[in-house]
Amino acid sequence: MKRTLFVISVIVTASSSAPAQVTIDVSKITCDEFVKYEIADPKQIGAWISGYYHGVHSNPILDEQKVLQTANKVEEYCFKHPDALVMKAVESILGPQ
């Protein structure tokens, strides 16, 4: 009986200490959340968005310099429009996709 309780407590402890899986709906990230690092580092979000737009256009080329420039432009836009969605900010900078 003690052995069974020990095994159960080990399983419960191990499962409760596992990191939680987090999903993020990027289409709902606001500019305010973006510039305040509330979701993740803006450069990481910018890299994901760049990959998304490149994927939409079947463009496998990644220009790191251009990604950083776009991320900086999005950050500037977001400081001026904190209630806007980041995806809308990107569309306004890159044009309709």
PDB file of N, CA and C in Angstrom:
ATOM      1  N   MET A   1       0.825  -1.200   0.000  1.00  0.00           N
ATOM      2  CA  MET A   1       0.000   0.000   0.000  1.00  0.00           C
ATOM      3  C   MET A   1       0.863   1.256   0.000  1.00  0.00           C
ATOM      4  N   LYS A   2       1.906   1.267   0.853  1.00  0.00           N
ATOM      5  CA  LYS A   2       2.787   2.430   0.899  1.00  0.00           C
ATOM      6  C   LYS A   2       3.503   2.627  -0.430  1.00  0.00           C
ATOM      7  N   ARG A   3       3.864   1.512  -1.043  1.00  0.00           N
ATOM      8  CA  ARG A   3       4.550   1.589  -2.328  1.00  0.00           C
ATOM      9  C   ARG A   3       3.633   2.192  -3.394  1.00  0.00           C
ATOM     10  N   THR A   4       2.363   1.805  -3.404  1.00  0.00           N
ATOM     11  CA  THR A   4       1.390   2.343  -4.357  1.00  0.00           C
ATOM     12  C   THR A   4       1.210   3.840  -4.155  1.00  0.00           C
ATOM     13  N   LEU A   5       1.103   4.274  -2.912  1.00  0.00           N
ATOM     14  CA  LEU A   5       0.972   5.703  -2.624  1.00  0.00           C
ATOM     15  C   LEU A   5       2.211   6.470  -3.067  1.00  0.00           C
ATOM     16  N   PHE A   6       3.370   5.872  -2.858  1.00  0.00           N
ATOM     17  CA  PHE A   6       4.616   6.515  -3.277  1.00  0.00           C
ATOM     18  C   PHE A   6       4.645   6.685  -4.797  1.00  0.00           C
ATOM     19  N   VAL A   7       4.286   5.631  -5.528  1.00  0.00           N
ATOM     20  CA  VAL A   7       4.275   5.691  -6.994  1.00  0.00           C
ATOM     21  C   VAL A   7       3.281   6.739  -7.475  1.00  0.00           C
ATOM     22  N   ILE A   8       2.104   6.786  -6.891  1.00  0.00           N
ATOM     23  CA  ILE A   8       1.099   7.780  -7.274  1.00  0.00           C
ATOM     24  C   ILE A   8       1.600   9.189  -6.990  1.00  0.00           C
ATOM     25  N   SER A   9       2.229   9.397  -5.851  1.00  0.00           N
ATOM     26  CA  SER A   9       2.718  10.737  -5.520  1.00  0.00           C
ATOM     27  C   SER A   9       3.843  11.161  -6.458  1.00  0.00           C
ATOM     28  N   VAL A  10       4.688  10.219  -6.879  1.00  0.00           N
ATOM     29  CA  VAL A  10       5.747  10.543  -7.834  1.00  0.00           C
ATOM     30  C   VAL A  10       5.140  10.925  -9.182  1.00  0.00           C
ATOM     31  N   ILE A  11       4.136  10.201  -9.622  1.00  0.00           N
ATOM     32  CA  ILE A  11       3.488  10.501 -10.907  1.00  0.00           C
ATOM     33  C   ILE A  11       2.814  11.866 -10.854  1.00  0.00           C
ATOM     34  N   VAL A  12       2.109  12.151  -9.786  1.00  0.00           N
ATOM     35  CA  VAL A  12       1.430  13.444  -9.650  1.00  0.00           C
ATOM     36  C   VAL A  12       2.451  14.572  -9.610  1.00  0.00           C
ATOM     37  N   THR A  13       3.523  14.399  -8.856  1.00  0.00           N
ATOM     38  CA  THR A  13       4.561  15.429  -8.758  1.00  0.00           C
ATOM     39  C   THR A  13       5.225  15.650 -10.104  1.00  0.00           C
ATOM     40  N   ALA A  14       5.547  14.587 -10.802  1.00  0.00           N
ATOM     41  CA  ALA A  14       6.205  14.707 -12.102  1.00  0.00           C
ATOM     42  C   ALA A  14       5.298  15.387 -13.114  1.00  0.00           C
ATOM     43  N   SER A  15       4.024  15.045 -13.105  1.00  0.00           N
ATOM     44  CA  SER A  15       3.118  15.644 -14.086  1.00  0.00           C
ATOM     45  C   SER A  15       2.811  17.095 -13.755  1.00  0.00           C
ATOM     46  N   SER A  16       2.831  17.466 -12.492  1.00  0.00           N
ATOM     47  CA  SER A  16       2.540  18.856 -12.131  1.00  0.00           C
ATOM     48  C   SER A  16       3.740  19.762 -12.345  1.00  0.00           C
ATOM     49  N   SER A  17       4.948  19.197 -12.420  1.00  0.00           N
ATOM     50  CA  SER A  17       6.126  20.026 -12.622  1.00  0.00           C
ATOM     51  C   SER A  17       6.484  20.180 -14.100  1.00  0.00           C
ATOM     52  N   ALA A  18       5.757  19.524 -14.965  1.00  0.00           N
ATOM     53  CA  ALA A  18       6.001  19.651 -16.401  1.00  0.00           C
ATOM     54  C   ALA A  18       5.585  21.046 -16.854  1.00  0.00           C
ATOM     55  N   PRO A  19       6.362  21.651 -17.774  1.00  0.00           N
ATOM     56  CA  PRO A  19       6.009  22.990 -18.243  1.00  0.00           C
ATOM     57  C   PRO A  19       4.678  22.977 -19.001  1.00  0.00           C
ATOM     58  N   ALA A  20       3.905  24.022 -18.800  1.00  0.00           N
ATOM     59  CA  ALA A  20       2.614  24.138 -19.467  1.00  0.00           C
ATOM     60  C   ALA A  20       2.824  24.530 -20.928  1.00  0.00           C
ATOM     61  N   GLN A  21       1.999  23.982 -21.789  1.00  0.00           N
ATOM     62  CA  GLN A  21       2.051  24.346 -23.196  1.00  0.00           C
ATOM     63  C   GLN A  21       1.234  25.615 -23.370  1.00  0.00           C
ATOM     64  N   VAL A  22       1.821  26.596 -24.022  1.00  0.00           N
ATOM     65  CA  VAL A  22       1.158  27.875 -24.216  1.00  0.00           C
ATOM     66  C   VAL A  22       0.938  28.084 -25.706  1.00  0.00           C
ATOM     67  N   THR A  23      -0.271  28.466 -26.064  1.00  0.00           N
ATOM     68  CA  THR A  23      -0.552  28.821 -27.451  1.00  0.00           C
ATOM     69  C   THR A  23      -0.933  30.292 -27.483  1.00  0.00           C
ATOM     70  N   ILE A  24      -0.531  30.937 -28.546  1.00  0.00           N
ATOM     71  CA  ILE A  24      -0.773  32.373 -28.697  1.00  0.00           C
ATOM     72  C   ILE A  24      -1.441  32.613 -30.033  1.00  0.00           C
ATOM     73  N   ASP A  25      -2.545  33.339 -30.018  1.00  0.00           N
ATOM     74  CA  ASP A  25      -3.208  33.751 -31.254  1.00  0.00           C
ATOM     75  C   ASP A  25      -2.596  35.092 -31.655  1.00  0.00           C
ATOM     76  N   VAL A  26      -1.641  35.030 -32.575  1.00  0.00           N
ATOM     77  CA  VAL A  26      -0.894  36.226 -32.978  1.00  0.00           C
ATOM     78  C   VAL A  26      -1.819  37.283 -33.569  1.00  0.00           C
ATOM     79  N   SER A  27      -2.923  36.874 -34.160  1.00  0.00           N
ATOM     80  CA  SER A  27      -3.842  37.840 -34.767  1.00  0.00           C
ATOM     81  C   SER A  27      -4.518  38.730 -33.723  1.00  0.00           C
ATOM     82  N   LYS A  28      -4.425  38.360 -32.445  1.00  0.00           N
ATOM     83  CA  LYS A  28      -5.064  39.138 -31.383  1.00  0.00           C
ATOM     84  C   LYS A  28      -4.082  39.948 -30.537  1.00  0.00           C
ATOM     85  N   ILE A  29      -2.797  39.921 -30.866  1.00  0.00           N
ATOM     86  CA  ILE A  29      -1.811  40.685 -30.106  1.00  0.00           C
ATOM     87  C   ILE A  29      -1.971  42.158 -30.448  1.00  0.00           C
ATOM     88  N   THR A  30      -2.148  42.982 -29.417  1.00  0.00           N
ATOM     89  CA  THR A  30      -2.273  44.420 -29.640  1.00  0.00           C
ATOM     90  C   THR A  30      -0.890  45.062 -29.663  1.00  0.00           C
ATOM     91  N   CYS A  31      -0.846  46.234 -30.235  1.00  0.00           N
ATOM     92  CA  CYS A  31       0.405  46.978 -30.274  1.00  0.00           C
ATOM     93  C   CYS A  31       0.902  47.284 -28.860  1.00  0.00           C
ATOM     94  N   ASP A  32      -0.012  47.556 -27.962  1.00  0.00           N
ATOM     95  CA  ASP A  32       0.374  47.841 -26.580  1.00  0.00           C
ATOM     96  C   ASP A  32       1.087  46.635 -25.966  1.00  0.00           C
ATOM     97  N   GLU A  33       0.531  45.447 -26.171  1.00  0.00           N
ATOM     98  CA  GLU A  33       1.158  44.222 -25.665  1.00  0.00           C
ATOM     99  C   GLU A  33       2.514  43.996 -26.336  1.00  0.00           C
ATOM    100  N   PHE A  34       2.589  44.327 -27.620  1.00  0.00           N
ATOM    101  CA  PHE A  34       3.808  44.143 -28.400  1.00  0.00           C
ATOM    102  C   PHE A  34       4.948  44.992 -27.857  1.00  0.00           C
ATOM    103  N   VAL A  35       4.704  46.284 -27.674  1.00  0.00           N
ATOM    104  CA  VAL A  35       5.782  47.180 -27.242  1.00  0.00           C
ATOM    105  C   VAL A  35       6.129  47.035 -25.759  1.00  0.00           C
ATOM    106  N   LYS A  36       5.215  46.486 -24.985  1.00  0.00           N
ATOM    107  CA  LYS A  36       5.479  46.298 -23.552  1.00  0.00           C
ATOM    108  C   LYS A  36       6.029  44.905 -23.236  1.00  0.00           C
ATOM    109  N   TYR A  37       6.356  44.125 -24.268  1.00  0.00           N
ATOM    110  CA  TYR A  37       6.928  42.781 -24.091  1.00  0.00           C
ATOM    111  C   TYR A  37       6.000  41.883 -23.279  1.00  0.00           C
ATOM    112  N   GLU A  38       4.680  42.094 -23.340  1.00  0.00           N
ATOM    113  CA  GLU A  38       3.742  41.305 -22.540  1.00  0.00           C
ATOM    114  C   GLU A  38       3.564  39.891 -23.073  1.00  0.00           C
ATOM    115  N   ILE A  39       3.787  39.675 -24.337  1.00  0.00           N
ATOM    116  CA  ILE A  39       3.628  38.344 -24.928  1.00  0.00           C
ATOM    117  C   ILE A  39       4.992  37.678 -25.081  1.00  0.00           C
ATOM    118  N   ALA A  40       5.898  38.357 -25.727  1.00  0.00           N
ATOM    119  CA  ALA A  40       7.257  37.865 -25.967  1.00  0.00           C
ATOM    120  C   ALA A  40       8.092  39.050 -26.446  1.00  0.00           C
ATOM    121  N   ASP A  41       9.355  38.812 -26.651  1.00  0.00           N
ATOM    122  CA  ASP A  41      10.231  39.842 -27.200  1.00  0.00           C
ATOM    123  C   ASP A  41       9.689  40.245 -28.575  1.00  0.00           C
ATOM    124  N   PRO A  42       9.506  41.534 -28.835  1.00  0.00           N
ATOM    125  CA  PRO A  42       8.965  41.968 -30.128  1.00  0.00           C
ATOM    126  C   PRO A  42       9.744  41.436 -31.329  1.00  0.00           C
ATOM    127  N   LYS A  43      11.038  41.223 -31.180  1.00  0.00           N
ATOM    128  CA  LYS A  43      11.830  40.688 -32.294  1.00  0.00           C
ATOM    129  C   LYS A  43      11.406  39.253 -32.606  1.00  0.00           C
ATOM    130  N   GLN A  44      11.049  38.480 -31.576  1.00  0.00           N
ATOM    131  CA  GLN A  44      10.578  37.111 -31.810  1.00  0.00           C
ATOM    132  C   GLN A  44       9.216  37.117 -32.498  1.00  0.00           C
ATOM    133  N   ILE A  45       8.339  38.001 -32.052  1.00  0.00           N
ATOM    134  CA  ILE A  45       7.021  38.110 -32.690  1.00  0.00           C
ATOM    135  C   ILE A  45       7.191  38.570 -34.132  1.00  0.00           C
ATOM    136  N   GLY A  46       8.072  39.546 -34.333  1.00  0.00           N
ATOM    137  CA  GLY A  46       8.339  40.050 -35.677  1.00  0.00           C
ATOM    138  C   GLY A  46       8.882  38.960 -36.596  1.00  0.00           C
ATOM    139  N   ALA A  47       9.748  38.114 -36.065  1.00  0.00           N
ATOM    140  CA  ALA A  47      10.297  37.020 -36.868  1.00  0.00           C
ATOM    141  C   ALA A  47       9.191  36.037 -37.248  1.00  0.00           C
ATOM    142  N   TRP A  48       8.290  35.739 -36.309  1.00  0.00           N
ATOM    143  CA  TRP A  48       7.183  34.832 -36.619  1.00  0.00           C
ATOM    144  C   TRP A  48       6.293  35.430 -37.704  1.00  0.00           C
ATOM    145  N   ILE A  49       5.951  36.714 -37.544  1.00  0.00           N
ATOM    146  CA  ILE A  49       5.081  37.375 -38.528  1.00  0.00           C
ATOM    147  C   ILE A  49       5.752  37.400 -39.893  1.00  0.00           C
ATOM    148  N   SER A  50       7.048  37.654 -39.925  1.00  0.00           N
ATOM    149  CA  SER A  50       7.776  37.645 -41.191  1.00  0.00           C
ATOM    150  C   SER A  50       7.679  36.271 -41.845  1.00  0.00           C
ATOM    151  N   GLY A  51       7.883  35.231 -41.053  1.00  0.00           N
ATOM    152  CA  GLY A  51       7.770  33.874 -41.581  1.00  0.00           C
ATOM    153  C   GLY A  51       6.373  33.587 -42.090  1.00  0.00           C
ATOM    154  N   TYR A  52       5.378  34.084 -41.366  1.00  0.00           N
ATOM    155  CA  TYR A  52       3.986  33.892 -41.783  1.00  0.00           C
ATOM    156  C   TYR A  52       3.744  34.537 -43.150  1.00  0.00           C
ATOM    157  N   TYR A  53       4.144  35.806 -43.287  1.00  0.00           N
ATOM    158  CA  TYR A  53       3.914  36.501 -44.549  1.00  0.00           C
ATOM    159  C   TYR A  53       4.730  35.889 -45.687  1.00  0.00           C
ATOM    160  N   HIS A  54       5.955  35.457 -45.400  1.00  0.00           N
ATOM    161  CA  HIS A  54       6.741  34.793 -46.441  1.00  0.00           C
ATOM    162  C   HIS A  54       6.063  33.485 -46.858  1.00  0.00           C
ATOM    163  N   GLY A  55       5.514  32.770 -45.888  1.00  0.00           N
ATOM    164  CA  GLY A  55       4.817  31.525 -46.192  1.00  0.00           C
ATOM    165  C   GLY A  55       3.572  31.752 -47.030  1.00  0.00           C
ATOM    166  N   VAL A  56       2.827  32.807 -46.704  1.00  0.00           N
ATOM    167  CA  VAL A  56       1.612  33.130 -47.466  1.00  0.00           C
ATOM    168  C   VAL A  56       1.956  33.385 -48.932  1.00  0.00           C
ATOM    169  N   HIS A  57       3.124  33.985 -49.160  1.00  0.00           N
ATOM    170  CA  HIS A  57       3.526  34.326 -50.520  1.00  0.00           C
ATOM    171  C   HIS A  57       4.483  33.312 -51.130  1.00  0.00           C
ATOM    172  N   SER A  58       4.610  32.153 -50.487  1.00  0.00           N
ATOM    173  CA  SER A  58       5.484  31.079 -50.979  1.00  0.00           C
ATOM    174  C   SER A  58       6.893  31.567 -51.259  1.00  0.00           C
ATOM    175  N   ASN A  59       7.395  32.409 -50.389  1.00  0.00           N
ATOM    176  CA  ASN A  59       8.744  32.957 -50.530  1.00  0.00           C
ATOM    177  C   ASN A  59       9.634  32.342 -49.445  1.00  0.00           C
ATOM    178  N   PRO A  60      10.530  31.430 -49.824  1.00  0.00           N
ATOM    179  CA  PRO A  60      11.370  30.767 -48.825  1.00  0.00           C
ATOM    180  C   PRO A  60      12.609  31.566 -48.416  1.00  0.00           C
ATOM    181  N   ILE A  61      12.798  32.757 -48.981  1.00  0.00           N
ATOM    182  CA  ILE A  61      13.984  33.568 -48.706  1.00  0.00           C
ATOM    183  C   ILE A  61      13.750  34.412 -47.450  1.00  0.00           C
ATOM    184  N   LEU A  62      14.713  34.365 -46.540  1.00  0.00           N
ATOM    185  CA  LEU A  62      14.636  35.170 -45.325  1.00  0.00           C
ATOM    186  C   LEU A  62      15.768  36.177 -45.345  1.00  0.00           C
ATOM    187  N   ASP A  63      15.419  37.451 -45.394  1.00  0.00           N
ATOM    188  CA  ASP A  63      16.403  38.535 -45.343  1.00  0.00           C
ATOM    189  C   ASP A  63      16.383  39.081 -43.924  1.00  0.00           C
ATOM    190  N   GLU A  64      17.368  38.672 -43.127  1.00  0.00           N
ATOM    191  CA  GLU A  64      17.393  39.036 -41.711  1.00  0.00           C
ATOM    192  C   GLU A  64      17.373  40.552 -41.514  1.00  0.00           C
ATOM    193  N   GLN A  65      18.107  41.275 -42.333  1.00  0.00           N
ATOM    194  CA  GLN A  65      18.159  42.733 -42.215  1.00  0.00           C
ATOM    195  C   GLN A  65      16.777  43.339 -42.451  1.00  0.00           C
ATOM    196  N   LYS A  66      16.074  42.832 -43.454  1.00  0.00           N
ATOM    197  CA  LYS A  66      14.739  43.342 -43.764  1.00  0.00           C
ATOM    198  C   LYS A  66      13.752  43.009 -42.644  1.00  0.00           C
ATOM    199  N   VAL A  67      13.892  41.812 -42.056  1.00  0.00           N
ATOM    200  CA  VAL A  67      13.029  41.421 -40.941  1.00  0.00           C
ATOM    201  C   VAL A  67      13.212  42.395 -39.778  1.00  0.00           C
ATOM    202  N   LEU A  68      14.467  42.721 -39.465  1.00  0.00           N
ATOM    203  CA  LEU A  68      14.738  43.650 -38.360  1.00  0.00           C
ATOM    204  C   LEU A  68      14.217  45.050 -38.675  1.00  0.00           C
ATOM    205  N   GLN A  69      14.371  45.500 -39.908  1.00  0.00           N
ATOM    206  CA  GLN A  69      13.864  46.818 -40.300  1.00  0.00           C
ATOM    207  C   GLN A  69      12.348  46.863 -40.178  1.00  0.00           C
ATOM    208  N   THR A  70      11.682  45.821 -40.626  1.00  0.00           N
ATOM    209  CA  THR A  70      10.224  45.769 -40.526  1.00  0.00           C
ATOM    210  C   THR A  70       9.791  45.734 -39.072  1.00  0.00           C
ATOM    211  N   ALA A  71      10.476  44.960 -38.241  1.00  0.00           N
ATOM    212  CA  ALA A  71      10.148  44.888 -36.810  1.00  0.00           C
ATOM    213  C   ALA A  71      10.298  46.263 -36.168  1.00  0.00           C
ATOM    214  N   ASN A  72      11.319  47.002 -36.546  1.00  0.00           N
ATOM    215  CA  ASN A  72      11.508  48.357 -36.012  1.00  0.00           C
ATOM    216  C   ASN A  72      10.386  49.290 -36.461  1.00  0.00           C
ATOM    217  N   LYS A  73       9.967  49.160 -37.720  1.00  0.00           N
ATOM    218  CA  LYS A  73       8.862  49.983 -38.228  1.00  0.00           C
ATOM    219  C   LYS A  73       7.555  49.637 -37.518  1.00  0.00           C
ATOM    220  N   VAL A  74       7.341  48.350 -37.264  1.00  0.00           N
ATOM    221  CA  VAL A  74       6.135  47.926 -36.549  1.00  0.00           C
ATOM    222  C   VAL A  74       6.155  48.489 -35.137  1.00  0.00           C
ATOM    223  N   GLU A  75       7.309  48.441 -34.500  1.00  0.00           N
ATOM    224  CA  GLU A  75       7.432  48.984 -33.146  1.00  0.00           C
ATOM    225  C   GLU A  75       7.132  50.486 -33.126  1.00  0.00           C
ATOM    226  N   GLU A  76       7.646  51.229 -34.101  1.00  0.00           N
ATOM    227  CA  GLU A  76       7.360  52.667 -34.198  1.00  0.00           C
ATOM    228  C   GLU A  76       5.863  52.901 -34.391  1.00  0.00           C
ATOM    229  N   TYR A  77       5.264  52.142 -35.290  1.00  0.00           N
ATOM    230  CA  TYR A  77       3.822  52.250 -35.542  1.00  0.00           C
ATOM    231  C   TYR A  77       3.047  51.973 -34.263  1.00  0.00           C
ATOM    232  N   CYS A  78       3.449  50.936 -33.560  1.00  0.00           N
ATOM    233  CA  CYS A  78       2.728  50.515 -32.354  1.00  0.00           C
ATOM    234  C   CYS A  78       2.813  51.546 -31.233  1.00  0.00           C
ATOM    235  N   PHE A  79       3.917  52.250 -31.134  1.00  0.00           N
ATOM    236  CA  PHE A  79       4.012  53.310 -30.126  1.00  0.00           C
ATOM    237  C   PHE A  79       2.976  54.403 -30.394  1.00  0.00           C
ATOM    238  N   LYS A  80       2.691  54.641 -31.669  1.00  0.00           N
ATOM    239  CA  LYS A  80       1.729  55.679 -32.050  1.00  0.00           C
ATOM    240  C   LYS A  80       0.287  55.182 -32.020  1.00  0.00           C
ATOM    241  N   HIS A  81       0.083  53.868 -32.153  1.00  0.00           N
ATOM    242  CA  HIS A  81      -1.263  53.270 -32.222  1.00  0.00           C
ATOM    243  C   HIS A  81      -1.365  52.081 -31.267  1.00  0.00           C
ATOM    244  N   PRO A  82      -1.352  52.314 -29.952  1.00  0.00           N
ATOM    245  CA  PRO A  82      -1.316  51.202 -28.986  1.00  0.00           C
ATOM    246  C   PRO A  82      -2.530  50.273 -29.029  1.00  0.00           C
ATOM    247  N   ASP A  83      -3.669  50.734 -29.502  1.00  0.00           N
ATOM    248  CA  ASP A  83      -4.862  49.891 -29.534  1.00  0.00           C
ATOM    249  C   ASP A  83      -4.972  49.050 -30.810  1.00  0.00           C
ATOM    250  N   ALA A  84      -4.111  49.307 -31.777  1.00  0.00           N
ATOM    251  CA  ALA A  84      -4.157  48.562 -33.039  1.00  0.00           C
ATOM    252  C   ALA A  84      -3.643  47.143 -32.829  1.00  0.00           C
ATOM    253  N   LEU A  85      -4.047  46.249 -33.713  1.00  0.00           N
ATOM    254  CA  LEU A  85      -3.526  44.882 -33.701  1.00  0.00           C
ATOM    255  C   LEU A  85      -2.199  44.860 -34.462  1.00  0.00           C
ATOM    256  N   VAL A  86      -1.268  44.056 -33.980  1.00  0.00           N
ATOM    257  CA  VAL A  86       0.057  43.989 -34.604  1.00  0.00           C
ATOM    258  C   VAL A  86      -0.046  43.534 -36.061  1.00  0.00           C
ATOM    259  N   MET A  87      -0.914  42.575 -36.342  1.00  0.00           N
ATOM    260  CA  MET A  87      -1.055  42.106 -37.723  1.00  0.00           C
ATOM    261  C   MET A  87      -1.531  43.241 -38.632  1.00  0.00           C
ATOM    262  N   LYS A  88      -2.398  44.117 -38.126  1.00  0.00           N
ATOM    263  CA  LYS A  88      -2.854  45.276 -38.909  1.00  0.00           C
ATOM    264  C   LYS A  88      -1.708  46.262 -39.092  1.00  0.00           C
ATOM    265  N   ALA A  89      -0.867  46.399 -38.075  1.00  0.00           N
ATOM    266  CA  ALA A  89       0.298  47.281 -38.183  1.00  0.00           C
ATOM    267  C   ALA A  89       1.220  46.783 -39.293  1.00  0.00           C
ATOM    268  N   VAL A  90       1.447  45.494 -39.346  1.00  0.00           N
ATOM    269  CA  VAL A  90       2.303  44.918 -40.385  1.00  0.00           C
ATOM    270  C   VAL A  90       1.685  45.139 -41.763  1.00  0.00           C
ATOM    271  N   GLU A  91       0.379  44.928 -41.867  1.00  0.00           N
ATOM    272  CA  GLU A  91      -0.296  45.157 -43.153  1.00  0.00           C
ATOM    273  C   GLU A  91      -0.162  46.603 -43.601  1.00  0.00           C
ATOM    274  N   SER A  92      -0.259  47.538 -42.650  1.00  0.00           N
ATOM    275  CA  SER A  92      -0.166  48.947 -43.030  1.00  0.00           C
ATOM    276  C   SER A  92       1.257  49.307 -43.469  1.00  0.00           C
ATOM    277  N   ILE A  93       2.246  48.587 -42.960  1.00  0.00           N
ATOM    278  CA  ILE A  93       3.633  48.855 -43.327  1.00  0.00           C
ATOM    279  C   ILE A  93       4.011  48.147 -44.623  1.00  0.00           C
ATOM    280  N   LEU A  94       3.622  46.892 -44.750  1.00  0.00           N
ATOM    281  CA  LEU A  94       3.997  46.109 -45.933  1.00  0.00           C
ATOM    282  C   LEU A  94       2.980  46.190 -47.063  1.00  0.00           C
ATOM    283  N   GLY A  95       1.814  46.740 -46.770  1.00  0.00           N
ATOM    284  CA  GLY A  95       0.747  46.792 -47.770  1.00  0.00           C
ATOM    285  C   GLY A  95      -0.127  45.577 -47.652  1.00  0.00           C
ATOM    286  N   PRO A  96      -1.277  45.585 -48.308  1.00  0.00           N
ATOM    287  CA  PRO A  96      -2.188  44.428 -48.220  1.00  0.00           C
ATOM    288  C   PRO A  96      -1.523  43.169 -48.757  1.00  0.00           C
ATOM    289  N   GLN A  97      -1.750  42.089 -48.045  1.00  0.00           N
ATOM    290  CA  GLN A  97      -1.106  40.821 -48.439  1.00  0.00           C
ATOM    291  C   GLN A  97      -2.125  39.918 -49.051  1.00  0.00           C
TER     292      GLN A  97
END
